[in-house]
Amino acid sequence: MNKTTLNRAYGDFFGREQWDYFSTLTYKHPVNVKRNRIEMDKLTKYFKKQAIAFSMVWVTEWHRTGTSTHSHLLTKGVDVAVIDKYWSKSNLGYKKFNDHKVYEREKGANFYIAKYIDKEVDYDIFGL
């Protein structure tokens, strides 16, 4: 299967879910892929500890500078205020630099997320 076909298949798969939000979480200090994985695992554990029933897909993206990463997420069942509170409380970044948009399938965030899976970056899927 070529990358275009794979990307399309993942995008279609993610698009079957009615997500609540498409978010970008930005760190205040440089974070590499390995550290991003650690922080995203902690965020997921936090949701579970809060007994939040959720679905989520996240992918890592390098900044244009190549010096740090940030994460893009599709979430369902998680209030973005919970995400921002965790992010700030954990000293990972500032709420004002996180971006949360109400998910609108026709805008293609599911395909935006999917394009990173075949670029050898880190990602994870929960609850699907």
Protein backbone atom coordinates (compact mmCIF):
# COMPACT_ATOMS: atom_id res chain seq x y z
CA MET A 1 0.00 0.00 0.00
CA ASN A 2 1.46 3.39 -0.94
CA LYS A 3 1.62 6.32 1.50
CA THR A 4 -1.24 8.23 -0.12
CA THR A 5 -3.56 5.24 0.14
CA LEU A 6 -2.48 4.56 3.72
CA ASN A 7 -2.96 8.21 4.69
CA ARG A 8 -6.44 8.21 3.16
CA ALA A 9 -7.38 4.98 4.97
CA TYR A 10 -6.30 6.37 8.36
CA GLY A 11 -8.09 9.65 7.66
CA ASP A 12 -11.28 7.79 6.75
CA PHE A 13 -10.96 5.63 9.87
CA PHE A 14 -10.50 8.65 12.15
CA GLY A 15 -13.35 10.41 10.34
CA ARG A 16 -15.85 7.75 11.36
CA GLU A 17 -15.77 9.10 14.93
CA GLN A 18 -17.71 12.23 15.85
CA TRP A 19 -14.95 14.06 17.69
CA ASP A 20 -15.54 17.01 19.99
CA TYR A 21 -12.27 18.89 19.43
CA PHE A 22 -9.19 19.20 17.26
CA SER A 23 -6.43 20.56 19.48
CA THR A 24 -2.80 21.58 19.32
CA LEU A 25 -0.77 21.43 22.54
CA THR A 26 2.42 23.48 22.55
CA TYR A 27 5.26 23.18 25.03
CA LYS A 28 6.94 26.21 26.57
CA HIS A 29 10.38 24.52 26.42
CA PRO A 30 11.91 22.36 23.67
CA VAL A 31 10.61 18.79 23.86
CA ASN A 32 11.85 15.91 21.71
CA VAL A 33 9.73 13.01 20.45
CA LYS A 34 10.66 10.72 23.35
CA ARG A 35 9.74 13.34 25.96
CA ASN A 36 6.53 14.14 24.12
CA ARG A 37 5.55 10.46 24.39
CA ILE A 38 6.15 10.57 28.15
CA GLU A 39 4.04 13.70 28.56
CA MET A 40 1.20 12.43 26.36
CA ASP A 41 1.16 9.14 28.31
CA LYS A 42 0.88 11.15 31.53
CA LEU A 43 -1.99 13.18 30.06
CA THR A 44 -3.80 9.97 29.11
CA LYS A 45 -3.28 8.54 32.61
CA TYR A 46 -4.66 11.77 34.04
CA PHE A 47 -7.86 11.37 32.00
CA LYS A 48 -8.19 7.79 33.22
CA LYS A 49 -7.56 8.82 36.84
CA GLN A 50 -10.29 11.45 36.52
CA ALA A 51 -12.62 8.62 35.35
CA ILE A 52 -13.20 10.42 32.07
CA ALA A 53 -14.66 8.18 29.37
CA PHE A 54 -12.78 9.40 26.32
CA SER A 55 -11.50 8.67 22.86
CA MET A 56 -8.36 10.30 21.56
CA VAL A 57 -5.89 10.19 18.71
CA TRP A 58 -2.70 12.21 19.00
CA VAL A 59 0.32 12.71 16.77
CA THR A 60 3.65 14.42 17.27
CA GLU A 61 4.76 17.15 14.89
CA TRP A 62 8.14 18.86 14.79
CA HIS A 63 8.12 22.65 14.75
CA ARG A 64 9.43 24.22 11.56
CA THR A 65 12.64 25.00 13.40
CA GLY A 66 13.22 21.28 14.07
CA THR A 67 14.11 22.06 17.70
CA SER A 68 10.92 20.96 19.46
CA THR A 69 7.67 19.10 19.02
CA HIS A 70 4.03 19.78 19.70
CA SER A 71 1.02 17.47 19.59
CA HIS A 72 -2.19 17.48 17.58
CA LEU A 73 -5.18 15.68 19.07
CA LEU A 74 -8.67 14.63 18.18
CA THR A 75 -10.66 14.15 21.40
CA LYS A 76 -14.11 13.02 22.41
CA GLY A 77 -15.46 13.18 25.95
CA VAL A 78 -12.76 15.50 27.32
CA ASP A 79 -13.47 19.12 28.20
CA VAL A 80 -10.66 21.30 26.83
CA ALA A 81 -10.56 23.14 30.17
CA VAL A 82 -9.37 19.85 31.73
CA ILE A 83 -6.59 19.62 29.14
CA ASP A 84 -5.51 23.23 29.65
CA LYS A 85 -5.58 22.89 33.44
CA TYR A 86 -3.42 19.78 33.29
CA TRP A 87 -1.01 21.39 30.81
CA SER A 88 -0.54 24.50 32.97
CA LYS A 89 -0.47 22.66 36.30
CA SER A 90 2.19 20.28 34.95
CA ASN A 91 4.26 23.31 33.85
CA LEU A 92 4.28 22.08 30.25
CA GLY A 93 3.01 25.23 28.63
CA TYR A 94 0.58 28.10 28.79
CA LYS A 95 -3.12 27.75 28.11
CA LYS A 96 -2.98 30.69 25.69
CA PHE A 97 -0.64 28.75 23.37
CA ASN A 98 -2.90 25.70 23.17
CA ASP A 99 -5.41 25.78 20.36
CA HIS A 100 -8.75 23.99 20.59
CA LYS A 101 -11.23 24.03 17.75
CA VAL A 102 -14.65 22.42 17.74
CA TYR A 103 -14.33 19.46 15.42
CA GLU A 104 -15.95 19.92 12.04
CA ARG A 105 -15.47 16.83 9.91
CA GLU A 106 -15.69 18.72 6.63
CA LYS A 107 -12.59 20.74 7.56
CA GLY A 108 -10.43 17.59 7.43
CA ALA A 109 -8.67 17.50 10.81
CA ASN A 110 -8.94 13.70 10.67
CA PHE A 111 -6.78 13.75 7.52
CA TYR A 112 -4.40 16.31 9.03
CA ILE A 113 -3.78 13.93 11.93
CA ALA A 114 -3.49 10.94 9.59
CA LYS A 115 -0.77 12.48 7.42
CA TYR A 116 1.71 12.29 10.30
CA ILE A 117 1.32 8.56 10.90
CA ASP A 118 3.30 7.67 7.79
CA LYS A 119 6.03 10.24 8.54
CA GLU A 120 7.72 8.12 11.20
CA VAL A 121 6.54 10.23 14.12
CA ASP A 122 5.05 9.05 17.38
CA TYR A 123 1.31 8.73 17.84
CA ASP A 124 -1.28 6.85 19.84
CA ILE A 125 -4.96 5.94 19.69
CA PHE A 126 -7.31 5.42 22.66
CA GLY A 127 -10.90 4.33 22.93
CA LEU A 128 -11.66 3.57 19.28
